[in-house]
Amino acid sequence: MGVYNFQSENSVNKMLNKFDAAIPRRMYWNNDIPSAASCPECGATLEKESHVYLLLVKEGAEVTPFITGNNDGSFCPKCPVVVLDKDGFSQKTILGVSKSEHFMVAGIVDIDSIPEDKEHIPLGEDNNPIPLVEFLPSPGVNKNRGIRTEKIGRNDPCPCGSGKKYKSCHGQNA
């Protein structure tokens, strides 16, 4: 697994990151949605930001974990949504681990939650587990193809997570 200088990584993240890595989000691939510039759930303009991710790369029967920091994620300022650049992650996988293009992003690593006294211990060791924030399931989306498989009813909860009915939230203009 990749090892970082966590002290400098932590200070950079705390100063620059607008989006908290500790908040669970729904993940979409940019090539599975109509516009990579807009949130697939609420239509808000996405904002690119650098974070640390855990990738699981499959080569044959073996799965290798790989940690990478990059700016291939675009975050919604209104919804708990992140849209990842599939080609960007694919390139990181090929450069960092293997020639395999079979991979998944397991979640965002919350670097800020690593205690200072454990920053010198490699992530994944018994005394320093990876602070992984897994992605939330995307409502009505088939993970493999990114297509809506179920219709949202007017009285169903809005998929943006607001707690409002769809008809009173994002379904007003639908």
Protein backbone atom coordinates (compact mmCIF):
# COMPACT_ATOMS: atom_id res chain seq x y z
CA MET A 1 0.00 0.00 0.00
CA GLY A 2 1.20 3.57 -0.64
CA VAL A 3 2.54 5.41 2.42
CA TYR A 4 2.22 9.16 2.87
CA ASN A 5 3.90 11.80 4.98
CA PHE A 6 0.73 12.23 6.99
CA GLN A 7 1.80 15.32 8.90
CA SER A 8 2.20 17.42 5.75
CA GLU A 9 -0.82 15.73 4.10
CA ASN A 10 -2.97 16.53 7.16
CA SER A 11 -2.01 20.19 7.27
CA VAL A 12 -2.60 20.63 3.52
CA ASN A 13 -6.03 18.90 3.72
CA LYS A 14 -7.15 20.93 6.74
CA MET A 15 -6.22 24.22 5.05
CA LEU A 16 -7.49 23.52 1.54
CA ASN A 17 -10.36 21.02 1.68
CA LYS A 18 -13.87 22.40 1.68
CA PHE A 19 -15.51 18.95 1.68
CA ASP A 20 -15.13 16.86 4.84
CA ALA A 21 -13.85 13.34 4.08
CA ALA A 22 -15.66 12.01 7.17
CA ILE A 23 -19.10 12.54 5.59
CA PRO A 24 -20.35 9.42 3.76
CA ARG A 25 -21.30 10.16 0.13
CA ARG A 26 -22.90 8.46 -2.83
CA MET A 27 -20.38 7.81 -5.60
CA TYR A 28 -20.95 8.05 -9.35
CA TRP A 29 -18.50 7.56 -12.22
CA ASN A 30 -18.27 10.58 -14.55
CA ASN A 31 -18.90 8.44 -17.64
CA ASP A 32 -22.14 7.00 -16.18
CA ILE A 33 -23.97 10.30 -15.78
CA PRO A 34 -25.27 12.82 -18.34
CA SER A 35 -22.95 15.66 -17.26
CA ALA A 36 -19.75 15.33 -15.24
CA ALA A 37 -20.05 19.03 -14.34
CA SER A 38 -23.41 18.72 -12.55
CA CYS A 39 -24.60 16.66 -9.60
CA PRO A 40 -26.62 13.67 -10.89
CA GLU A 41 -29.09 14.09 -8.01
CA CYS A 42 -29.72 17.82 -7.61
CA GLY A 43 -28.08 19.44 -10.65
CA ALA A 44 -25.74 21.69 -8.60
CA THR A 45 -22.34 22.53 -10.09
CA LEU A 46 -19.71 20.06 -8.88
CA GLU A 47 -16.45 21.25 -7.34
CA LYS A 48 -13.16 19.39 -7.91
CA GLU A 49 -11.14 18.68 -4.77
CA SER A 50 -8.15 16.53 -3.85
CA HIS A 51 -8.73 13.64 -1.41
CA VAL A 52 -7.18 10.28 -0.53
CA TYR A 53 -8.97 7.14 -1.76
CA LEU A 54 -8.67 3.38 -1.18
CA LEU A 55 -8.71 1.36 -4.40
CA LEU A 56 -9.05 -2.41 -4.57
CA VAL A 57 -7.31 -3.75 -7.67
CA LYS A 58 -8.05 -7.27 -8.94
CA GLU A 59 -5.40 -9.14 -10.86
CA GLY A 60 -6.30 -12.78 -11.43
CA ALA A 61 -7.66 -14.11 -8.13
CA GLU A 62 -5.69 -11.59 -6.05
CA VAL A 63 -7.07 -8.28 -4.76
CA THR A 64 -4.51 -5.62 -3.83
CA PRO A 65 -5.40 -2.54 -1.77
CA PHE A 66 -3.89 0.70 -3.05
CA ILE A 67 -4.08 4.16 -1.49
CA THR A 68 -3.88 7.16 -3.77
CA GLY A 69 -4.27 10.88 -3.27
CA ASN A 70 -5.62 12.76 -6.27
CA ASN A 71 -8.00 15.43 -7.49
CA ASP A 72 -10.10 13.09 -9.62
CA GLY A 73 -13.18 13.64 -7.45
CA SER A 74 -15.81 16.35 -7.91
CA PHE A 75 -18.07 17.06 -4.94
CA CYS A 76 -21.61 18.42 -4.75
CA PRO A 77 -21.93 21.40 -2.37
CA LYS A 78 -25.62 20.55 -1.72
CA CYS A 79 -25.85 16.73 -1.64
CA PRO A 80 -23.65 13.99 -0.19
CA VAL A 81 -22.41 13.10 -3.69
CA VAL A 82 -18.99 12.67 -5.28
CA VAL A 83 -18.42 12.07 -8.99
CA LEU A 84 -15.14 10.30 -9.77
CA ASP A 85 -13.16 10.52 -12.99
CA LYS A 86 -12.98 6.90 -14.18
CA ASP A 87 -10.04 7.52 -16.56
CA GLY A 88 -8.07 9.34 -13.84
CA PHE A 89 -8.49 6.47 -11.39
CA SER A 90 -7.70 3.92 -14.10
CA GLN A 91 -4.40 5.71 -14.83
CA LYS A 92 -3.49 5.81 -11.11
CA THR A 93 -4.17 2.07 -10.88
CA ILE A 94 -1.99 1.23 -13.88
CA LEU A 95 0.84 3.51 -12.71
CA GLY A 96 0.65 2.50 -9.04
CA VAL A 97 -0.20 -1.18 -8.82
CA SER A 98 -0.61 -3.21 -11.97
CA LYS A 99 -1.65 -3.30 -15.60
CA SER A 100 -5.09 -4.55 -14.55
CA GLU A 101 -8.04 -2.31 -15.26
CA HIS A 102 -10.26 -4.27 -12.86
CA PHE A 103 -10.59 -2.07 -9.81
CA MET A 104 -13.08 -0.44 -7.50
CA VAL A 105 -12.86 2.58 -5.25
CA ALA A 106 -13.76 1.36 -1.75
CA GLY A 107 -14.16 4.84 -0.28
CA ILE A 108 -12.46 8.02 0.87
CA VAL A 109 -9.67 7.76 3.45
CA ASP A 110 -10.27 10.27 6.25
CA ILE A 111 -6.67 11.34 6.78
CA ASP A 112 -7.76 14.01 9.29
CA SER A 113 -9.02 11.33 11.70
CA ILE A 114 -5.59 9.72 12.14
CA PRO A 115 -4.33 10.61 15.63
CA GLU A 116 -1.00 12.47 15.66
CA ASP A 117 0.66 9.69 17.67
CA LYS A 118 -0.15 7.20 14.88
CA GLU A 119 0.80 9.27 11.84
CA HIS A 120 4.21 7.56 11.68
CA ILE A 121 2.64 4.05 11.54
CA PRO A 122 1.78 2.81 8.02
CA LEU A 123 -1.95 2.70 7.31
CA GLY A 124 -3.44 -0.76 7.52
CA GLU A 125 -1.15 -1.97 10.31
CA ASP A 126 -2.85 -3.48 13.38
CA ASN A 127 -2.17 -0.33 15.41
CA ASN A 128 -3.31 2.03 12.66
CA PRO A 129 -6.36 0.80 10.70
CA ILE A 130 -7.35 2.65 7.55
CA PRO A 131 -9.96 5.30 8.46
CA LEU A 132 -12.13 4.45 5.47
CA VAL A 133 -15.40 6.25 4.84
CA GLU A 134 -17.31 3.90 2.57
CA PHE A 135 -19.67 5.20 -0.10
CA LEU A 136 -23.41 5.20 0.48
CA PRO A 137 -25.56 3.16 -1.91
CA SER A 138 -26.90 5.25 -4.77
CA PRO A 139 -30.72 5.03 -4.88
CA GLY A 140 -32.09 3.32 -7.97
CA VAL A 141 -28.73 2.99 -9.68
CA ASN A 142 -27.17 -0.24 -10.85
CA LYS A 143 -23.53 0.13 -9.71
CA ASN A 144 -22.15 -1.70 -12.74
CA ARG A 145 -23.91 0.36 -15.39
CA GLY A 146 -24.95 3.60 -13.71
CA ILE A 147 -28.52 3.43 -15.00
CA ARG A 148 -31.63 4.12 -13.00
CA THR A 149 -33.39 0.81 -12.38
CA GLU A 150 -36.37 2.01 -10.36
CA LYS A 151 -38.68 4.98 -10.62
CA ILE A 152 -38.86 7.41 -7.72
CA GLY A 153 -42.46 7.94 -6.67
CA ARG A 154 -43.73 11.45 -5.90
CA ASN A 155 -44.32 10.53 -2.24
CA ASP A 156 -41.01 8.64 -1.81
CA PRO A 157 -38.17 10.27 0.14
CA CYS A 158 -35.99 12.45 -2.07
CA PRO A 159 -32.75 10.65 -3.04
CA CYS A 160 -30.71 13.75 -2.10
CA GLY A 161 -31.10 12.80 1.57
CA SER A 162 -32.95 15.96 2.64
CA GLY A 163 -35.73 13.97 4.35
CA LYS A 164 -38.40 15.71 2.25
CA LYS A 165 -40.75 13.95 -0.13
CA TYR A 166 -39.49 13.85 -3.71
CA LYS A 167 -42.45 15.97 -4.91
CA SER A 168 -41.52 18.74 -2.44
CA CYS A 169 -37.80 18.66 -3.19
CA HIS A 170 -36.07 17.68 -6.43
CA GLY A 171 -39.29 16.39 -8.01
CA GLN A 172 -40.91 19.83 -8.15
CA ASN A 173 -39.74 20.41 -11.72
CA ALA A 174 -39.90 16.77 -12.84
